[in-house]
Amino acid sequence: MTWGFALGEVRTNSVLRINERGEWTEFSEILIGSQPPKKLLELTVYPQE
């Protein structure tokens, strides 16, 4: 799943994936004006055993 938002010159892009082991990974970046994208969030949620 992908999503994001924009507020003036600030934009975000996020990607969420759930793999075959049930791990939820998420990566988000932020873009401000013409600056290169910067990592905002990177996480992995592991299923309970």
PDB file of N, CA and C in Angstrom:
ATOM      1  N   MET A   1       0.852  -1.145   0.000  1.00  0.00           N
ATOM      2  CA  MET A   1       0.000   0.000   0.000  1.00  0.00           C
ATOM      3  C   MET A   1       0.910   1.224   0.000  1.00  0.00           C
ATOM      4  N   THR A   2       0.532   2.239  -0.737  1.00  0.00           N
ATOM      5  CA  THR A   2       1.291   3.486  -0.745  1.00  0.00           C
ATOM      6  C   THR A   2       0.359   4.649  -0.431  1.00  0.00           C
ATOM      7  N   TRP A   3       0.896   5.669   0.198  1.00  0.00           N
ATOM      8  CA  TRP A   3       0.131   6.870   0.468  1.00  0.00           C
ATOM      9  C   TRP A   3       1.087   8.009   0.780  1.00  0.00           C
ATOM     10  N   GLY A   4       0.547   9.188   0.909  1.00  0.00           N
ATOM     11  CA  GLY A   4       1.324  10.362   1.253  1.00  0.00           C
ATOM     12  C   GLY A   4       0.394  11.555   1.371  1.00  0.00           C
ATOM     13  N   PHE A   5       0.985  12.697   1.668  1.00  0.00           N
ATOM     14  CA  PHE A   5       0.193  13.925   1.715  1.00  0.00           C
ATOM     15  C   PHE A   5       1.087  15.090   1.339  1.00  0.00           C
ATOM     16  N   ALA A   6       0.460  16.205   1.044  1.00  0.00           N
ATOM     17  CA  ALA A   6       1.187  17.430   0.719  1.00  0.00           C
ATOM     18  C   ALA A   6       0.581  18.569   1.526  1.00  0.00           C
ATOM     19  N   LEU A   7       1.458  19.430   2.027  1.00  0.00           N
ATOM     20  CA  LEU A   7       1.036  20.615   2.754  1.00  0.00           C
ATOM     21  C   LEU A   7       2.012  21.721   2.369  1.00  0.00           C
ATOM     22  N   GLY A   8       1.604  22.562   1.457  1.00  0.00           N
ATOM     23  CA  GLY A   8       2.516  23.580   0.944  1.00  0.00           C
ATOM     24  C   GLY A   8       3.668  22.917   0.210  1.00  0.00           C
ATOM     25  N   GLU A   9       4.890  23.235   0.603  1.00  0.00           N
ATOM     26  CA  GLU A   9       6.069  22.655  -0.044  1.00  0.00           C
ATOM     27  C   GLU A   9       6.512  21.336   0.577  1.00  0.00           C
ATOM     28  N   VAL A  10       5.791  20.854   1.574  1.00  0.00           N
ATOM     29  CA  VAL A  10       6.149  19.609   2.254  1.00  0.00           C
ATOM     30  C   VAL A  10       5.291  18.480   1.697  1.00  0.00           C
ATOM     31  N   ARG A  11       5.956  17.395   1.299  1.00  0.00           N
ATOM     32  CA  ARG A  11       5.250  16.209   0.804  1.00  0.00           C
ATOM     33  C   ARG A  11       5.836  14.981   1.478  1.00  0.00           C
ATOM     34  N   THR A  12       5.012  13.948   1.629  1.00  0.00           N
ATOM     35  CA  THR A  12       5.501  12.678   2.141  1.00  0.00           C
ATOM     36  C   THR A  12       5.078  11.562   1.196  1.00  0.00           C
ATOM     37  N   ASN A  13       5.869  10.508   1.182  1.00  0.00           N
ATOM     38  CA  ASN A  13       5.556   9.280   0.455  1.00  0.00           C
ATOM     39  C   ASN A  13       5.827   8.122   1.399  1.00  0.00           C
ATOM     40  N   SER A  14       4.882   7.196   1.491  1.00  0.00           N
ATOM     41  CA  SER A  14       5.030   6.043   2.375  1.00  0.00           C
ATOM     42  C   SER A  14       4.659   4.769   1.634  1.00  0.00           C
ATOM     43  N   VAL A  15       5.379   3.681   1.962  1.00  0.00           N
ATOM     44  CA  VAL A  15       5.096   2.366   1.387  1.00  0.00           C
ATOM     45  C   VAL A  15       5.013   1.376   2.533  1.00  0.00           C
ATOM     46  N   LEU A  16       3.931   0.619   2.584  1.00  0.00           N
ATOM     47  CA  LEU A  16       3.733  -0.421   3.585  1.00  0.00           C
ATOM     48  C   LEU A  16       3.670  -1.756   2.855  1.00  0.00           C
ATOM     49  N   ARG A  17       4.386  -2.738   3.392  1.00  0.00           N
ATOM     50  CA  ARG A  17       4.365  -4.090   2.817  1.00  0.00           C
ATOM     51  C   ARG A  17       4.197  -5.100   3.938  1.00  0.00           C
ATOM     52  N   ILE A  18       3.485  -6.176   3.653  1.00  0.00           N
ATOM     53  CA  ILE A  18       3.395  -7.316   4.570  1.00  0.00           C
ATOM     54  C   ILE A  18       3.878  -8.521   3.778  1.00  0.00           C
ATOM     55  N   ASN A  19       4.968  -9.139   4.249  1.00  0.00           N
ATOM     56  CA  ASN A  19       5.557 -10.247   3.488  1.00  0.00           C
ATOM     57  C   ASN A  19       4.937 -11.591   3.871  1.00  0.00           C
ATOM     58  N   GLU A  20       5.450 -12.641   3.263  1.00  0.00           N
ATOM     59  CA  GLU A  20       4.888 -13.985   3.465  1.00  0.00           C
ATOM     60  C   GLU A  20       5.062 -14.496   4.891  1.00  0.00           C
ATOM     61  N   ARG A  21       5.978 -13.925   5.672  1.00  0.00           N
ATOM     62  CA  ARG A  21       6.170 -14.314   7.076  1.00  0.00           C
ATOM     63  C   ARG A  21       5.298 -13.487   8.031  1.00  0.00           C
ATOM     64  N   GLY A  22       4.489 -12.577   7.462  1.00  0.00           N
ATOM     65  CA  GLY A  22       3.620 -11.740   8.278  1.00  0.00           C
ATOM     66  C   GLY A  22       4.312 -10.515   8.848  1.00  0.00           C
ATOM     67  N   GLU A  23       5.530 -10.226   8.385  1.00  0.00           N
ATOM     68  CA  GLU A  23       6.247  -9.036   8.844  1.00  0.00           C
ATOM     69  C   GLU A  23       5.709  -7.808   8.116  1.00  0.00           C
ATOM     70  N   TRP A  24       5.466  -6.771   8.868  1.00  0.00           N
ATOM     71  CA  TRP A  24       4.966  -5.512   8.345  1.00  0.00           C
ATOM     72  C   TRP A  24       6.166  -4.579   8.250  1.00  0.00           C
ATOM     73  N   THR A  25       6.500  -4.126   7.064  1.00  0.00           N
ATOM     74  CA  THR A  25       7.580  -3.160   6.900  1.00  0.00           C
ATOM     75  C   THR A  25       6.988  -1.873   6.353  1.00  0.00           C
ATOM     76  N   GLU A  26       7.546  -0.765   6.814  1.00  0.00           N
ATOM     77  CA  GLU A  26       7.069   0.534   6.369  1.00  0.00           C
ATOM     78  C   GLU A  26       8.270   1.449   6.151  1.00  0.00           C
ATOM     79  N   PHE A  27       8.226   2.199   5.056  1.00  0.00           N
ATOM     80  CA  PHE A  27       9.270   3.169   4.743  1.00  0.00           C
ATOM     81  C   PHE A  27       8.590   4.451   4.306  1.00  0.00           C
ATOM     82  N   SER A  28       8.985   5.572   4.904  1.00  0.00           N
ATOM     83  CA  SER A  28       8.426   6.879   4.556  1.00  0.00           C
ATOM     84  C   SER A  28       9.558   7.858   4.319  1.00  0.00           C
ATOM     85  N   GLU A  29       9.335   8.745   3.361  1.00  0.00           N
ATOM     86  CA  GLU A  29      10.301   9.810   3.125  1.00  0.00           C
ATOM     87  C   GLU A  29       9.565  11.140   3.061  1.00  0.00           C
ATOM     88  N   ILE A  30      10.314  12.213   3.323  1.00  0.00           N
ATOM     89  CA  ILE A  30       9.756  13.557   3.305  1.00  0.00           C
ATOM     90  C   ILE A  30      10.519  14.377   2.267  1.00  0.00           C
ATOM     91  N   LEU A  31       9.786  15.174   1.550  1.00  0.00           N
ATOM     92  CA  LEU A  31      10.371  16.057   0.548  1.00  0.00           C
ATOM     93  C   LEU A  31       9.943  17.482   0.881  1.00  0.00           C
ATOM     94  N   ILE A  32      10.900  18.387   0.939  1.00  0.00           N
ATOM     95  CA  ILE A  32      10.616  19.787   1.248  1.00  0.00           C
ATOM     96  C   ILE A  32      11.137  20.627   0.097  1.00  0.00           C
ATOM     97  N   GLY A  33      10.217  21.265  -0.614  1.00  0.00           N
ATOM     98  CA  GLY A  33      10.596  22.082  -1.767  1.00  0.00           C
ATOM     99  C   GLY A  33      11.352  21.252  -2.784  1.00  0.00           C
ATOM    100  N   SER A  34      12.488  21.779  -3.236  1.00  0.00           N
ATOM    101  CA  SER A  34      13.291  21.080  -4.244  1.00  0.00           C
ATOM    102  C   SER A  34      14.437  20.276  -3.627  1.00  0.00           C
ATOM    103  N   GLN A  35      14.466  20.155  -2.301  1.00  0.00           N
ATOM    104  CA  GLN A  35      15.508  19.367  -1.637  1.00  0.00           C
ATOM    105  C   GLN A  35      15.338  17.887  -1.978  1.00  0.00           C
ATOM    106  N   PRO A  36      16.427  17.125  -1.942  1.00  0.00           N
ATOM    107  CA  PRO A  36      16.309  15.682  -2.167  1.00  0.00           C
ATOM    108  C   PRO A  36      15.474  15.033  -1.063  1.00  0.00           C
ATOM    109  N   PRO A  37      14.828  13.898  -1.350  1.00  0.00           N
ATOM    110  CA  PRO A  37      14.041  13.205  -0.327  1.00  0.00           C
ATOM    111  C   PRO A  37      14.912  12.780   0.849  1.00  0.00           C
ATOM    112  N   LYS A  38      14.328  12.803   2.055  1.00  0.00           N
ATOM    113  CA  LYS A  38      15.014  12.354   3.267  1.00  0.00           C
ATOM    114  C   LYS A  38      14.159  11.285   3.946  1.00  0.00           C
ATOM    115  N   LYS A  39      14.842  10.300   4.543  1.00  0.00           N
ATOM    116  CA  LYS A  39      14.126   9.247   5.258  1.00  0.00           C
ATOM    117  C   LYS A  39      13.408   9.850   6.460  1.00  0.00           C
ATOM    118  N   LEU A  40      12.128   9.553   6.578  1.00  0.00           N
ATOM    119  CA  LEU A  40      11.321  10.020   7.692  1.00  0.00           C
ATOM    120  C   LEU A  40      11.094   8.895   8.691  1.00  0.00           C
ATOM    121  N   LEU A  41      10.881   7.663   8.167  1.00  0.00           N
ATOM    122  CA  LEU A  41      10.552   6.530   9.023  1.00  0.00           C
ATOM    123  C   LEU A  41      10.904   5.248   8.296  1.00  0.00           C
ATOM    124  N   GLU A  42      11.460   4.302   9.035  1.00  0.00           N
ATOM    125  CA  GLU A  42      11.685   2.950   8.521  1.00  0.00           C
ATOM    126  C   GLU A  42      11.492   2.001   9.681  1.00  0.00           C
ATOM    127  N   LEU A  43      10.556   1.052   9.535  1.00  0.00           N
ATOM    128  CA  LEU A  43      10.295   0.150  10.644  1.00  0.00           C
ATOM    129  C   LEU A  43       9.879  -1.221  10.144  1.00  0.00           C
ATOM    130  N   THR A  44      10.025  -2.193  11.032  1.00  0.00           N
ATOM    131  CA  THR A  44       9.559  -3.553  10.789  1.00  0.00           C
ATOM    132  C   THR A  44       8.832  -4.018  12.040  1.00  0.00           C
ATOM    133  N   VAL A  45       7.626  -4.562  11.851  1.00  0.00           N
ATOM    134  CA  VAL A  45       6.850  -5.124  12.952  1.00  0.00           C
ATOM    135  C   VAL A  45       6.812  -6.626  12.711  1.00  0.00           C
ATOM    136  N   TYR A  46       7.300  -7.385  13.690  1.00  0.00           N
ATOM    137  CA  TYR A  46       7.369  -8.846  13.565  1.00  0.00           C
ATOM    138  C   TYR A  46       6.138  -9.473  14.208  1.00  0.00           C
ATOM    139  N   PRO A  47       5.585 -10.526  13.611  1.00  0.00           N
ATOM    140  CA  PRO A  47       4.423 -11.187  14.198  1.00  0.00           C
ATOM    141  C   PRO A  47       4.796 -11.880  15.513  1.00  0.00           C
ATOM    142  N   GLN A  48       3.809 -12.048  16.370  1.00  0.00           N
ATOM    143  CA  GLN A  48       4.041 -12.761  17.627  1.00  0.00           C
ATOM    144  C   GLN A  48       4.269 -14.240  17.325  1.00  0.00           C
ATOM    145  N   GLU A  49       5.096 -14.856  18.126  1.00  0.00           N
ATOM    146  CA  GLU A  49       5.366 -16.291  17.920  1.00  0.00           C
ATOM    147  C   GLU A  49       4.470 -17.134  18.772  1.00  0.00           C
TER     148      GLU A  49
END
